[in-house]
Protein backbone atom coordinates (compact mmCIF):
# COMPACT_ATOMS: atom_id res chain seq x y z
CA MET A 1 0.21 -0.42 0.22
CA THR A 2 3.07 2.34 0.57
CA ASP A 3 3.87 2.01 -2.94
CA GLU A 4 0.55 3.33 -4.29
CA VAL A 5 0.67 5.97 -1.71
CA ASP A 6 3.89 7.10 -3.04
CA LYS A 7 2.59 6.98 -6.57
CA ASP A 8 -0.11 9.19 -5.80
CA GLU A 9 1.88 11.61 -3.62
CA ALA A 10 4.10 11.83 -7.17
CA ARG A 11 0.83 12.46 -9.13
CA GLU A 12 0.25 15.31 -6.98
CA ARG A 13 3.14 16.87 -7.11
CA GLN A 14 3.18 16.87 -11.04
CA SER A 15 -0.54 17.88 -11.33
CA GLN A 16 0.33 21.02 -8.97
CA ARG A 17 3.38 21.61 -11.03
CA LEU A 18 1.22 21.61 -14.10
CA GLN A 19 -1.17 23.57 -12.57
CA SER A 20 1.58 26.29 -11.49
CA ILE A 21 2.93 26.06 -15.15
CA ALA A 22 -0.82 27.05 -16.35
CA ARG A 23 -0.90 30.06 -13.89
CA GLU A 24 2.69 31.23 -15.24
CA ALA A 25 1.52 30.74 -18.49
CA GLU A 26 -1.04 33.11 -18.33
CA GLN A 27 0.75 35.65 -16.67
CA LEU A 28 3.32 35.30 -19.43
CA ALA A 29 0.88 36.15 -21.78
CA ALA A 30 -0.78 39.08 -19.86
CA HIS A 31 2.74 40.60 -19.65
CA ALA A 32 3.39 39.66 -23.75
CA ARG A 33 -0.13 41.57 -24.18
CA SER A 34 1.03 44.76 -21.67
CA THR A 35 4.37 45.21 -23.56
CA ALA A 36 2.92 44.87 -27.08
CA THR A 37 0.52 47.60 -25.79
CA HIS A 38 3.32 49.92 -23.82
CA PHE A 39 5.60 49.68 -27.18
CA ARG A 40 2.79 50.63 -29.68
CA ASP A 41 1.97 53.37 -27.22
CA ARG A 42 5.82 54.39 -27.23
CA GLU A 43 6.58 53.72 -23.38
CA ILE A 44 9.55 51.93 -23.89
CA ALA A 45 10.90 52.15 -20.38
CA ARG A 46 7.35 50.79 -19.59
CA ALA A 47 7.85 47.88 -22.23
CA GLY A 48 11.11 46.89 -21.24
CA ALA A 49 10.00 46.68 -17.44
CA GLN A 50 7.24 44.27 -18.87
CA ALA A 51 9.60 42.08 -21.16
CA LEU A 52 11.54 41.21 -18.42
CA ALA A 53 8.48 40.12 -16.03
CA LEU A 54 7.34 38.10 -19.06
CA GLU A 55 11.07 36.72 -19.21
CA GLY A 56 10.64 36.17 -15.07
CA HIS A 57 7.43 34.04 -15.99
CA LEU A 58 9.49 31.87 -18.82
CA VAL A 59 12.33 31.26 -16.54
CA ASN A 60 9.60 29.77 -14.28
CA ILE A 61 7.76 27.82 -16.43
CA ARG A 62 11.35 26.35 -17.58
CA ARG A 63 12.36 25.61 -13.98
CA LEU A 64 8.58 23.78 -13.36
CA LEU A 65 9.08 21.55 -16.92
CA ASP A 66 13.21 20.91 -15.61
CA GLU A 67 11.33 19.62 -12.27
CA ILE A 68 9.11 17.43 -13.77
CA THR A 69 11.78 16.11 -16.21
CA ILE A 70 14.04 14.99 -13.68
CA SER A 71 11.37 13.36 -11.62
CA HIS A 72 10.34 11.58 -14.31
CA ALA A 73 13.69 10.73 -15.29
CA GLU A 74 14.45 9.69 -11.61
CA LYS A 75 11.30 6.98 -12.22
CA SER A 76 11.71 5.59 -15.42
CA ARG A 77 12.95 2.38 -15.97
CA LEU A 78 14.39 0.47 -19.19
CA ALA A 79 12.82 -1.92 -20.68
CA PRO A 80 15.09 -5.11 -20.53
């Protein structure tokens, strides 16, 4: 039964990571739209600040994806 509990916990961690990725992606999209508006309005400094925030969300998404792939690699077994 412990093995099944461990698997349930691992699935929950992966699910939480994927939910976090979705939230980060939504924030990234909002910053991208904001950045575009600021560039269009010639507000270059504000656009630059928003672009940095956008990149921050990308970094967070990459970090979460790294965690998912590392977790998968730790559990992956080659077939004989």
